Amino acid sequence: MSKIHLSKLYHKNKNQIKVDFEYDYNVKEYIKKYPLVKWSNTYKTFYLPFSKENANNFCIYLRKNNYHVDFKKLQDGFPNYNLSKQLNSEIISSIDLFKRWLIQMRYSNNTIKTYISMIKLFFRFHSQKDIDKINVKDIELFNDQYIIKNNFSSTFQNQLINAIKLFYSYNNNKHLDLQNLNRPKKSKKLPEVLSLDDIKLILTSIKNVKHKTLLSLIYSCGLRIGEALNLRINSIDLNRKLLHIKSAKGRKDRFVPISLTMIDLLKKYFSLYNPKLYLFEGQKNATYSATSARQVLKRALNKTNINKNVTLHTLRHSYATHLLENGTDIRFIQELLGHNSPKTTMIYTHVSTISLQKIKNPFDDFNI
């Protein structure tokens, strides 16, 4: 029986109920159906507005499906720091200048948004301290009293440290020794990978040509969702069978081969939709939204019996793993995916079933 933990979270200047559970596709889908539940990209968690009534009603909803609910932490008081306090004009000015610098340095919009939100959160926590008096102990206190106490991930903690280091590198704070900002150990989670049969099942379940083309291109070229949505028509060279991905993660360009089957699908898509600027366009010829793309995948999954934690990025992971299983050199896979380091690409050797199946199990020699 699945166990769901409810605790307190201060998010978007309000008290919230944080929802934690060991990943289970059915549990996730059931929680998402509750009207008040939202997803936080900042904290990578589900949450809903905090109130005694909301907590009671949500518990009743969960128990209807025989889930065990642990709400002990909801009985604790909220932490005594005041994150609702407005930032003073000096900090706001410094953050605005930092944001302009990030834009000038061509950081991605997602990175800028994440770093700025984390810097603001950090200074609300230390609202009584001057910006140039922050030291390593202040960061450790924030880690202990906010990040650890709220059971946020090591990824969140690392992003915070990245944001603070960059902010104070820009502001030259003499009280903060940037070299002594220690990072938490990263969890070594393996990516979720679908089988070839699963990929075929998902793609063949889609009747809409635009939706089928989008998901097919993400898989067949190993694209990040942002790369796929930012593709312009002139990025595709059907004669050379190449896709030119421009200014991807790390401001890198790369070329990716397009399969013959994918070329046929693209030609059909062009004849039906005739996009003007971007390959996949939403309203008023703007780029297709990531939210819409996720909904396309979700609807496709609902037509299958696949109960894995599948995201758009899972298609990219699956593409890389299938290339490896087909004998493609790891260095070529690194280039195709646009990885800076081969270490990043090597993770696919751990999820390749071909490699695992070659291992001889000593139990096979038993005659029992």
Protein backbone atom coordinates (compact mmCIF):
# COMPACT_ATOMS: atom_id res chain seq x y z
CA MET A 1 0.00 0.00 0.00
CA SER A 2 1.44 3.38 -1.03
CA LYS A 3 2.35 5.85 1.70
CA ILE A 4 1.95 9.59 1.11
CA HIS A 5 3.65 12.16 3.33
CA LEU A 6 2.17 15.62 3.86
CA SER A 7 4.30 18.45 5.25
CA LYS A 8 4.44 22.22 5.26
CA LEU A 9 5.96 24.36 2.54
CA TYR A 10 6.28 28.12 2.15
CA HIS A 11 5.92 28.81 -1.56
CA LYS A 12 4.78 31.81 -3.63
CA ASN A 13 4.55 33.90 -0.45
CA LYS A 14 1.94 31.55 1.05
CA ASN A 15 1.77 28.52 3.31
CA GLN A 16 1.23 25.33 1.30
CA ILE A 17 0.82 21.59 1.86
CA LYS A 18 3.71 19.67 0.31
CA VAL A 19 2.92 16.17 -1.04
CA ASP A 20 5.68 13.52 -1.04
CA PHE A 21 5.52 9.88 -2.11
CA GLU A 22 7.75 7.19 -3.50
CA TYR A 23 7.24 7.33 -7.25
CA ASP A 24 4.33 5.33 -8.51
CA TYR A 25 2.60 6.23 -11.79
CA ASN A 26 -0.90 5.46 -10.51
CA VAL A 27 -0.36 7.46 -7.30
CA LYS A 28 0.94 10.42 -9.30
CA GLU A 29 -2.03 10.40 -11.67
CA TYR A 30 -4.50 10.11 -8.79
CA ILE A 31 -2.94 13.06 -6.93
CA LYS A 32 -2.90 15.20 -10.10
CA LYS A 33 -6.66 14.77 -10.48
CA TYR A 34 -7.34 16.55 -7.17
CA PRO A 35 -8.62 20.04 -8.12
CA LEU A 36 -6.39 22.06 -5.75
CA VAL A 37 -3.14 20.22 -6.45
CA LYS A 38 -0.43 22.05 -8.43
CA TRP A 39 3.13 21.21 -9.45
CA SER A 40 6.09 23.37 -8.39
CA ASN A 41 8.96 23.44 -10.89
CA THR A 42 11.07 25.23 -8.29
CA TYR A 43 10.75 22.53 -5.62
CA LYS A 44 9.87 19.58 -7.91
CA THR A 45 6.89 18.64 -5.79
CA PHE A 46 3.10 18.62 -5.76
CA TYR A 47 1.43 21.04 -3.36
CA LEU A 48 -1.91 22.60 -2.48
CA PRO A 49 -2.96 25.63 -0.37
CA PHE A 50 -2.53 25.12 3.36
CA SER A 51 -5.60 25.09 5.58
CA LYS A 52 -7.08 22.62 8.03
CA GLU A 53 -10.08 22.10 5.74
CA ASN A 54 -7.89 21.46 2.68
CA ALA A 55 -5.72 19.02 4.63
CA ASN A 56 -8.75 17.06 5.90
CA ASN A 57 -10.45 16.92 2.50
CA PHE A 58 -7.25 15.86 0.77
CA CYS A 59 -6.66 13.09 3.31
CA ILE A 60 -10.20 11.82 2.75
CA TYR A 61 -9.58 11.86 -1.02
CA LEU A 62 -6.36 9.86 -0.66
CA ARG A 63 -7.88 7.32 1.73
CA LYS A 64 -10.70 6.64 -0.72
CA ASN A 65 -8.07 4.96 -2.85
CA ASN A 66 -6.65 3.08 0.16
CA TYR A 67 -3.46 5.18 0.38
CA HIS A 68 -1.82 5.50 3.78
CA VAL A 69 -1.40 9.20 4.71
CA ASP A 70 1.28 10.45 7.09
CA PHE A 71 0.36 13.99 8.16
CA LYS A 72 2.43 14.27 11.38
CA LYS A 73 4.58 17.07 9.96
CA LEU A 74 1.47 19.11 9.22
CA GLN A 75 0.97 19.40 12.97
CA ASP A 76 4.29 21.20 13.37
CA GLY A 77 4.37 24.98 13.17
CA PHE A 78 5.76 26.70 10.12
CA PRO A 79 9.44 27.67 10.41
CA ASN A 80 9.94 30.94 12.27
CA TYR A 81 11.66 32.75 9.40
CA ASN A 82 9.59 35.27 7.49
CA LEU A 83 9.89 34.67 3.77
CA SER A 84 6.96 36.97 3.01
CA LYS A 85 8.96 40.08 3.86
CA GLN A 86 9.59 42.36 0.90
CA LEU A 87 13.16 42.80 -0.28
CA ASN A 88 14.69 46.20 0.30
CA SER A 89 15.52 48.53 -2.58
CA GLU A 90 19.28 47.83 -2.40
CA ILE A 91 18.80 44.08 -2.86
CA ILE A 92 16.20 44.58 -5.60
CA SER A 93 18.60 46.87 -7.45
CA SER A 94 21.47 44.37 -7.12
CA ILE A 95 19.30 41.50 -8.35
CA ASP A 96 18.10 43.57 -11.33
CA LEU A 97 21.72 44.37 -12.30
CA PHE A 98 22.62 40.68 -11.91
CA LYS A 99 19.70 39.68 -14.13
CA ARG A 100 20.82 42.12 -16.85
CA TRP A 101 24.32 40.67 -16.65
CA LEU A 102 22.97 37.11 -17.03
CA ILE A 103 21.07 38.22 -20.12
CA GLN A 104 24.19 39.88 -21.56
CA MET A 105 26.18 36.71 -20.89
CA ARG A 106 23.54 34.78 -22.89
CA TYR A 107 22.38 32.46 -20.13
CA SER A 108 19.21 30.59 -21.08
CA ASN A 109 15.83 31.99 -20.03
CA ASN A 110 15.22 28.96 -17.80
CA THR A 111 18.56 29.39 -16.01
CA ILE A 112 17.94 33.11 -15.49
CA LYS A 113 14.45 32.48 -14.13
CA THR A 114 15.70 29.76 -11.76
CA TYR A 115 18.71 31.72 -10.47
CA ILE A 116 16.76 34.92 -9.88
CA SER A 117 13.96 33.14 -7.99
CA MET A 118 16.51 31.34 -5.80
CA ILE A 119 18.46 34.53 -5.04
CA LYS A 120 15.23 36.27 -4.02
CA LEU A 121 14.25 33.33 -1.82
CA PHE A 122 17.67 33.34 -0.16
CA PHE A 123 17.54 37.06 0.65
CA ARG A 124 14.02 36.83 2.02
CA PHE A 125 15.33 34.21 4.41
CA HIS A 126 18.17 36.57 5.43
CA SER A 127 16.03 39.69 5.31
CA GLN A 128 17.76 41.21 8.36
CA LYS A 129 21.25 41.01 6.90
CA ASP A 130 23.03 43.39 4.52
CA ILE A 131 23.78 41.99 1.09
CA ASP A 132 27.55 42.50 1.48
CA LYS A 133 27.70 40.80 4.90
CA ILE A 134 26.53 37.35 3.79
CA ASN A 135 29.05 34.59 4.58
CA VAL A 136 29.35 30.80 4.28
CA LYS A 137 27.62 30.27 7.64
CA ASP A 138 24.55 32.10 6.34
CA ILE A 139 24.35 29.72 3.39
CA GLU A 140 24.77 26.71 5.69
CA LEU A 141 21.95 28.05 7.87
CA PHE A 142 19.66 28.39 4.85
CA ASN A 143 20.54 24.84 3.76
CA ASP A 144 19.81 23.47 7.22
CA GLN A 145 16.71 25.47 8.14
CA TYR A 146 15.02 25.67 4.77
CA ILE A 147 16.30 23.15 2.22
CA ILE A 148 16.95 20.19 4.55
CA LYS A 149 14.00 20.96 6.81
CA ASN A 150 11.65 20.94 3.82
CA ASN A 151 13.29 17.80 2.40
CA PHE A 152 14.20 19.44 -0.91
CA SER A 153 16.45 17.62 -3.34
CA SER A 154 20.22 17.82 -3.67
CA THR A 155 19.59 19.17 -7.18
CA PHE A 156 17.73 22.14 -5.70
CA GLN A 157 20.57 22.67 -3.22
CA ASN A 158 23.18 22.57 -5.99
CA GLN A 159 21.22 25.05 -8.08
CA LEU A 160 21.08 27.40 -5.11
CA ILE A 161 24.86 27.21 -4.64
CA ASN A 162 25.38 27.85 -8.36
CA ALA A 163 23.13 30.90 -8.17
CA ILE A 164 24.83 32.32 -5.07
CA LYS A 165 28.34 31.74 -6.41
CA LEU A 166 27.52 33.47 -9.66
CA PHE A 167 25.71 36.33 -7.92
CA TYR A 168 28.61 37.04 -5.57
CA SER A 169 31.25 36.53 -8.25
CA TYR A 170 29.46 39.35 -10.05
CA ASN A 171 29.15 41.46 -6.86
CA ASN A 172 32.63 40.75 -5.41
CA ASN A 173 31.61 40.09 -1.81
CA LYS A 174 34.73 39.96 0.38
CA HIS A 175 32.91 38.26 3.27
CA LEU A 176 31.98 35.21 1.21
CA ASP A 177 34.69 32.68 0.41
CA LEU A 178 33.33 31.14 -2.78
CA GLN A 179 35.92 28.37 -2.70
CA ASN A 180 34.45 27.00 0.55
CA LEU A 181 30.91 26.58 -0.73
CA ASN A 182 30.66 22.80 -0.51
CA ARG A 183 28.13 20.95 -2.62
CA PRO A 184 25.99 18.01 -1.52
CA LYS A 185 26.66 14.63 -3.07
CA LYS A 186 24.56 14.08 -6.16
CA SER A 187 22.20 11.14 -6.23
CA LYS A 188 23.12 8.63 -8.91
CA LYS A 189 19.73 7.97 -10.43
CA LEU A 190 19.56 6.20 -13.76
CA PRO A 191 17.33 7.63 -16.49
CA GLU A 192 14.02 5.98 -17.32
CA VAL A 193 14.26 4.25 -20.70
CA LEU A 194 11.51 2.85 -22.90
CA SER A 195 11.86 -0.20 -25.10
CA LEU A 196 11.56 0.04 -28.88
CA ASP A 197 8.14 -1.57 -28.62
CA ASP A 198 7.04 1.07 -26.09
CA ILE A 199 8.21 3.89 -28.38
CA LYS A 200 6.35 2.37 -31.34
CA LEU A 201 3.23 1.96 -29.19
CA ILE A 202 3.27 5.62 -28.15
CA LEU A 203 3.92 7.02 -31.63
CA THR A 204 1.44 4.79 -33.46
CA SER A 205 -1.29 5.73 -30.97
CA ILE A 206 -1.16 9.36 -32.18
CA LYS A 207 -3.40 10.19 -35.13
CA ASN A 208 -2.75 13.95 -35.30
CA VAL A 209 0.14 14.44 -37.79
CA LYS A 210 1.55 17.51 -36.03
CA HIS A 211 1.63 15.75 -32.65
CA LYS A 212 3.08 12.58 -34.16
CA THR A 213 5.79 14.59 -35.96
CA LEU A 214 6.76 16.46 -32.80
CA LEU A 215 7.22 13.38 -30.61
CA SER A 216 8.82 11.41 -33.44
CA LEU A 217 11.39 14.15 -34.04
CA ILE A 218 12.24 14.40 -30.34
CA TYR A 219 12.89 10.66 -30.24
CA SER A 220 14.52 10.13 -33.65
CA CYS A 221 16.97 13.04 -33.22
CA GLY A 222 17.45 12.83 -29.44
CA LEU A 223 16.26 16.40 -28.87
CA ARG A 224 15.65 18.30 -25.67
CA ILE A 225 12.14 19.74 -25.66
CA GLY A 226 13.47 23.32 -25.86
CA GLU A 227 15.57 22.40 -28.89
CA ALA A 228 12.57 20.90 -30.68
CA LEU A 229 10.28 23.86 -29.99
CA ASN A 230 12.87 26.45 -31.04
CA LEU A 231 13.58 24.79 -34.41
CA ARG A 232 13.00 27.05 -37.40
CA ILE A 233 12.12 25.81 -40.85
CA ASN A 234 15.56 26.76 -42.18
CA SER A 235 17.13 24.44 -39.56
CA ILE A 236 16.03 21.44 -41.63
CA ASP A 237 17.97 20.33 -44.69
CA LEU A 238 15.98 17.50 -46.22
CA ASN A 239 18.41 17.12 -49.14
CA ARG A 240 21.40 16.54 -46.86
CA LYS A 241 19.16 14.73 -44.34
CA LEU A 242 20.48 16.93 -41.49
CA LEU A 243 18.93 18.90 -38.65
CA HIS A 244 20.86 22.00 -37.52
CA ILE A 245 20.30 22.64 -33.80
CA LYS A 246 21.38 26.18 -32.96
CA SER A 247 22.33 27.71 -29.61
CA ALA A 248 21.38 24.62 -27.62
CA LYS A 249 22.40 24.02 -24.01
CA GLY A 250 25.79 25.62 -23.39
CA ARG A 251 25.26 27.88 -26.44
CA LYS A 252 26.39 25.02 -28.68
CA ASP A 253 25.36 24.24 -32.26
CA ARG A 254 25.29 20.71 -33.63
CA PHE A 255 24.09 18.72 -36.63
CA VAL A 256 21.95 15.59 -36.22
CA PRO A 257 21.08 13.17 -39.04
CA ILE A 258 17.40 12.77 -39.92
CA SER A 259 16.18 9.26 -40.69
CA LEU A 260 14.44 8.50 -43.99
CA THR A 261 11.22 7.59 -42.18
CA MET A 262 11.35 10.89 -40.33
CA ILE A 263 11.88 12.78 -43.61
CA ASP A 264 8.71 11.21 -45.05
CA LEU A 265 6.77 12.24 -41.94
CA LEU A 266 8.16 15.80 -42.12
CA LYS A 267 7.14 16.13 -45.78
CA LYS A 268 3.60 15.04 -44.90
CA TYR A 269 3.57 17.50 -41.99
CA PHE A 270 4.76 20.40 -44.20
CA SER A 271 2.09 19.72 -46.81
CA LEU A 272 -0.69 19.72 -44.17
CA TYR A 273 0.40 22.56 -41.85
CA ASN A 274 2.70 24.80 -43.93
CA PRO A 275 4.52 26.38 -40.94
CA LYS A 276 5.78 29.93 -41.58
CA LEU A 277 8.78 30.45 -39.27
CA TYR A 278 9.05 27.84 -36.55
CA LEU A 279 8.76 24.16 -37.36
CA PHE A 280 6.11 23.71 -34.66
CA GLU A 281 3.95 26.78 -34.26
CA GLY A 282 1.28 27.65 -31.75
CA GLN A 283 -1.10 30.58 -31.93
CA LYS A 284 -0.12 33.63 -34.01
CA ASN A 285 2.88 31.79 -35.49
CA ALA A 286 4.64 31.77 -32.10
CA THR A 287 6.52 28.70 -30.87
CA TYR A 288 4.50 25.72 -29.72
CA SER A 289 4.42 25.62 -25.92
CA ALA A 290 6.17 23.02 -23.77
CA THR A 291 2.93 22.57 -21.81
CA SER A 292 1.07 21.62 -24.99
CA ALA A 293 3.86 19.19 -25.94
CA ARG A 294 3.61 17.50 -22.53
CA GLN A 295 -0.15 17.19 -22.96
CA VAL A 296 0.41 15.49 -26.33
CA LEU A 297 2.63 12.89 -24.66
CA LYS A 298 0.23 12.45 -21.75
CA ARG A 299 -2.72 11.77 -24.06
CA ALA A 300 -0.65 9.29 -26.05
CA LEU A 301 0.41 7.46 -22.87
CA ASN A 302 -3.22 7.25 -21.72
CA LYS A 303 -3.93 5.15 -24.81
CA THR A 304 -1.25 2.62 -23.83
CA ASN A 305 -0.61 0.35 -20.85
CA ILE A 306 2.79 1.92 -20.12
CA ASN A 307 3.02 2.63 -16.39
CA LYS A 308 6.53 4.11 -16.26
CA ASN A 309 7.43 7.68 -15.30
CA VAL A 310 7.59 8.93 -18.90
CA THR A 311 8.44 12.53 -19.80
CA LEU A 312 9.45 14.16 -23.06
CA HIS A 313 13.08 13.79 -21.94
CA THR A 314 12.51 10.04 -21.65
CA LEU A 315 12.31 9.95 -25.45
CA ARG A 316 15.81 11.47 -25.66
CA HIS A 317 17.16 8.99 -23.09
CA SER A 318 15.58 6.12 -25.03
CA TYR A 319 17.09 7.31 -28.33
CA ALA A 320 20.59 7.38 -26.82
CA THR A 321 20.19 3.95 -25.23
CA HIS A 322 18.87 2.39 -28.43
CA LEU A 323 21.80 3.84 -30.39
CA LEU A 324 24.20 2.27 -27.89
CA GLU A 325 22.42 -1.07 -28.09
CA ASN A 326 22.72 -0.93 -31.90
CA GLY A 327 26.51 -0.63 -31.58
CA THR A 328 26.96 3.13 -32.09
CA ASP A 329 30.25 4.39 -30.64
CA ILE A 330 29.77 6.32 -27.39
CA ARG A 331 31.73 9.28 -28.83
CA PHE A 332 29.26 9.64 -31.70
CA ILE A 333 26.35 9.49 -29.25
CA GLN A 334 28.01 12.27 -27.24
CA GLU A 335 28.14 14.47 -30.36
CA LEU A 336 24.56 13.67 -31.36
CA LEU A 337 23.23 14.57 -27.91
CA GLY A 338 25.41 17.68 -27.54
CA HIS A 339 27.02 16.57 -24.27
CA ASN A 340 30.08 18.52 -23.14
CA SER A 341 31.59 15.55 -21.33
CA PRO A 342 31.68 11.85 -22.24
CA LYS A 343 30.93 11.15 -18.57
CA THR A 344 27.38 12.42 -19.12
CA THR A 345 26.91 10.08 -22.08
CA MET A 346 28.41 7.08 -20.25
CA ILE A 347 25.32 6.85 -18.04
CA TYR A 348 23.56 5.08 -20.92
CA THR A 349 25.95 2.13 -20.59
CA HIS A 350 24.26 1.46 -17.22
CA VAL A 351 20.76 1.20 -18.68
CA SER A 352 21.56 -0.69 -21.87
CA THR A 353 19.89 -4.11 -21.70
CA ILE A 354 22.34 -5.52 -24.27
CA SER A 355 25.28 -4.89 -21.93
CA LEU A 356 23.42 -6.33 -18.96
CA GLN A 357 22.28 -9.42 -20.85
CA LYS A 358 25.88 -10.29 -21.75
CA ILE A 359 26.72 -10.78 -18.07
CA LYS A 360 26.79 -14.45 -17.15
CA ASN A 361 24.92 -15.12 -13.96
CA PRO A 362 26.60 -17.80 -11.75
CA PHE A 363 23.15 -19.04 -10.75
CA ASP A 364 22.78 -20.44 -14.29
CA ASP A 365 25.39 -23.09 -13.43
CA PHE A 366 23.25 -24.47 -10.60
CA ASN A 367 21.23 -27.60 -11.16
CA ILE A 368 18.44 -27.31 -8.65
